[in-house]
Amino acid sequence: MLDKIKGVQTVKNISIVNKAGTSTGYSQYAYDIEGATQNQVIYPSLDPSIFELRYPNQDIKGRVVPL
């Protein structure tokens, strides 16, 4: 999906970080992203849960590098 954004030529890698802590505006619960990842797929917990990108304007970071 990132490759489909106008102006993006390629996405070399991506990392997903679970931010937690009510003092910073996130959930009090942390999720083990690394432990829940199998074959490059992040699986949710067995309990009903969702993944939310809480603050997209500050939590999505990228950089431009020459090809």
C-alpha atoms as a PDB file:
ATOM      1  CA  MET A   1       0.000   0.000   0.000  1.00  0.00           C
ATOM      2  CA  LEU A   2       2.883   2.370   0.675  1.00  0.00           C
ATOM      3  CA  ASP A   3       4.158   1.856  -2.863  1.00  0.00           C
ATOM      4  CA  LYS A   4       0.791   3.052  -4.191  1.00  0.00           C
ATOM      5  CA  ILE A   5       1.149   6.522  -2.631  1.00  0.00           C
ATOM      6  CA  LYS A   6       1.853   9.162  -5.257  1.00  0.00           C
ATOM      7  CA  GLY A   7       5.541  10.031  -5.280  1.00  0.00           C
ATOM      8  CA  VAL A   8       6.714   6.856  -3.524  1.00  0.00           C
ATOM      9  CA  GLN A   9       8.970   4.837  -5.803  1.00  0.00           C
ATOM     10  CA  THR A  10       9.851   1.982  -3.490  1.00  0.00           C
ATOM     11  CA  VAL A  11       9.746   0.981   0.158  1.00  0.00           C
ATOM     12  CA  LYS A  12      12.991  -0.682   1.163  1.00  0.00           C
ATOM     13  CA  ASN A  13      11.983  -1.741   4.661  1.00  0.00           C
ATOM     14  CA  ILE A  14       9.390  -1.047   7.308  1.00  0.00           C
ATOM     15  CA  SER A  15       9.353  -1.492  11.069  1.00  0.00           C
ATOM     16  CA  ILE A  16       6.337  -1.479  13.354  1.00  0.00           C
ATOM     17  CA  VAL A  17       6.751  -0.327  16.938  1.00  0.00           C
ATOM     18  CA  ASN A  18       4.146  -0.740  19.664  1.00  0.00           C
ATOM     19  CA  LYS A  19       3.926   2.485  21.643  1.00  0.00           C
ATOM     20  CA  ALA A  20       2.296   2.132  25.052  1.00  0.00           C
ATOM     21  CA  GLY A  21       1.762   4.338  28.071  1.00  0.00           C
ATOM     22  CA  THR A  22      -1.214   6.386  29.147  1.00  0.00           C
ATOM     23  CA  SER A  23       0.986   9.366  30.066  1.00  0.00           C
ATOM     24  CA  THR A  24       1.879   9.714  26.357  1.00  0.00           C
ATOM     25  CA  GLY A  25      -1.685   9.184  25.118  1.00  0.00           C
ATOM     26  CA  TYR A  26      -1.449   5.530  24.149  1.00  0.00           C
ATOM     27  CA  SER A  27      -2.967   2.359  25.561  1.00  0.00           C
ATOM     28  CA  GLN A  28      -1.801   1.064  28.900  1.00  0.00           C
ATOM     29  CA  TYR A  29      -1.322  -2.338  27.271  1.00  0.00           C
ATOM     30  CA  ALA A  30       1.767  -3.260  25.254  1.00  0.00           C
ATOM     31  CA  TYR A  31       1.775  -5.914  22.544  1.00  0.00           C
ATOM     32  CA  ASP A  32       4.736  -8.125  21.672  1.00  0.00           C
ATOM     33  CA  ILE A  33       5.026  -7.324  17.967  1.00  0.00           C
ATOM     34  CA  GLU A  34       8.163  -9.416  17.485  1.00  0.00           C
ATOM     35  CA  GLY A  35       6.666 -12.449  19.256  1.00  0.00           C
ATOM     36  CA  ALA A  36       3.430 -12.169  17.261  1.00  0.00           C
ATOM     37  CA  THR A  37       5.222 -12.010  13.894  1.00  0.00           C
ATOM     38  CA  GLN A  38       5.487 -15.181  11.825  1.00  0.00           C
ATOM     39  CA  ASN A  39       6.628 -15.223   8.191  1.00  0.00           C
ATOM     40  CA  GLN A  40       6.506 -11.405   8.097  1.00  0.00           C
ATOM     41  CA  VAL A  41       2.838 -11.329   9.223  1.00  0.00           C
ATOM     42  CA  ILE A  42       1.821  -9.758  12.550  1.00  0.00           C
ATOM     43  CA  TYR A  43      -0.979 -11.760  14.123  1.00  0.00           C
ATOM     44  CA  PRO A  44      -3.415 -10.297  16.674  1.00  0.00           C
ATOM     45  CA  SER A  45      -3.940 -11.839  20.087  1.00  0.00           C
ATOM     46  CA  LEU A  46      -6.574 -14.501  20.672  1.00  0.00           C
ATOM     47  CA  ASP A  47      -8.562 -12.035  22.781  1.00  0.00           C
ATOM     48  CA  PRO A  48     -10.652  -9.585  20.813  1.00  0.00           C
ATOM     49  CA  SER A  49      -8.271  -6.788  19.880  1.00  0.00           C
ATOM     50  CA  ILE A  50      -7.481  -4.219  17.212  1.00  0.00           C
ATOM     51  CA  PHE A  51      -4.384  -2.487  15.928  1.00  0.00           C
ATOM     52  CA  GLU A  52      -4.737   1.276  15.833  1.00  0.00           C
ATOM     53  CA  LEU A  53      -2.477   3.938  14.402  1.00  0.00           C
ATOM     54  CA  ARG A  54      -3.240   6.495  17.087  1.00  0.00           C
ATOM     55  CA  TYR A  55      -1.413   9.605  15.856  1.00  0.00           C
ATOM     56  CA  PRO A  56      -0.562   9.153  12.166  1.00  0.00           C
ATOM     57  CA  ASN A  57       0.850  12.665  11.711  1.00  0.00           C
ATOM     58  CA  GLN A  58       3.463  12.135  14.404  1.00  0.00           C
ATOM     59  CA  ASP A  59       3.863   8.344  14.485  1.00  0.00           C
ATOM     60  CA  ILE A  60       4.576   7.661  10.812  1.00  0.00           C
ATOM     61  CA  LYS A  61       8.174   8.488  10.022  1.00  0.00           C
ATOM     62  CA  GLY A  62      10.106   8.008   6.838  1.00  0.00           C
ATOM     63  CA  ARG A  63      13.149   9.253   5.032  1.00  0.00           C
ATOM     64  CA  VAL A  64      14.142   9.896   1.472  1.00  0.00           C
ATOM     65  CA  VAL A  65      17.287   8.243   0.176  1.00  0.00           C
ATOM     66  CA  PRO A  66      18.848   8.392  -3.293  1.00  0.00           C
ATOM     67  CA  LEU A  67      18.403   5.341  -5.499  1.00  0.00           C
END
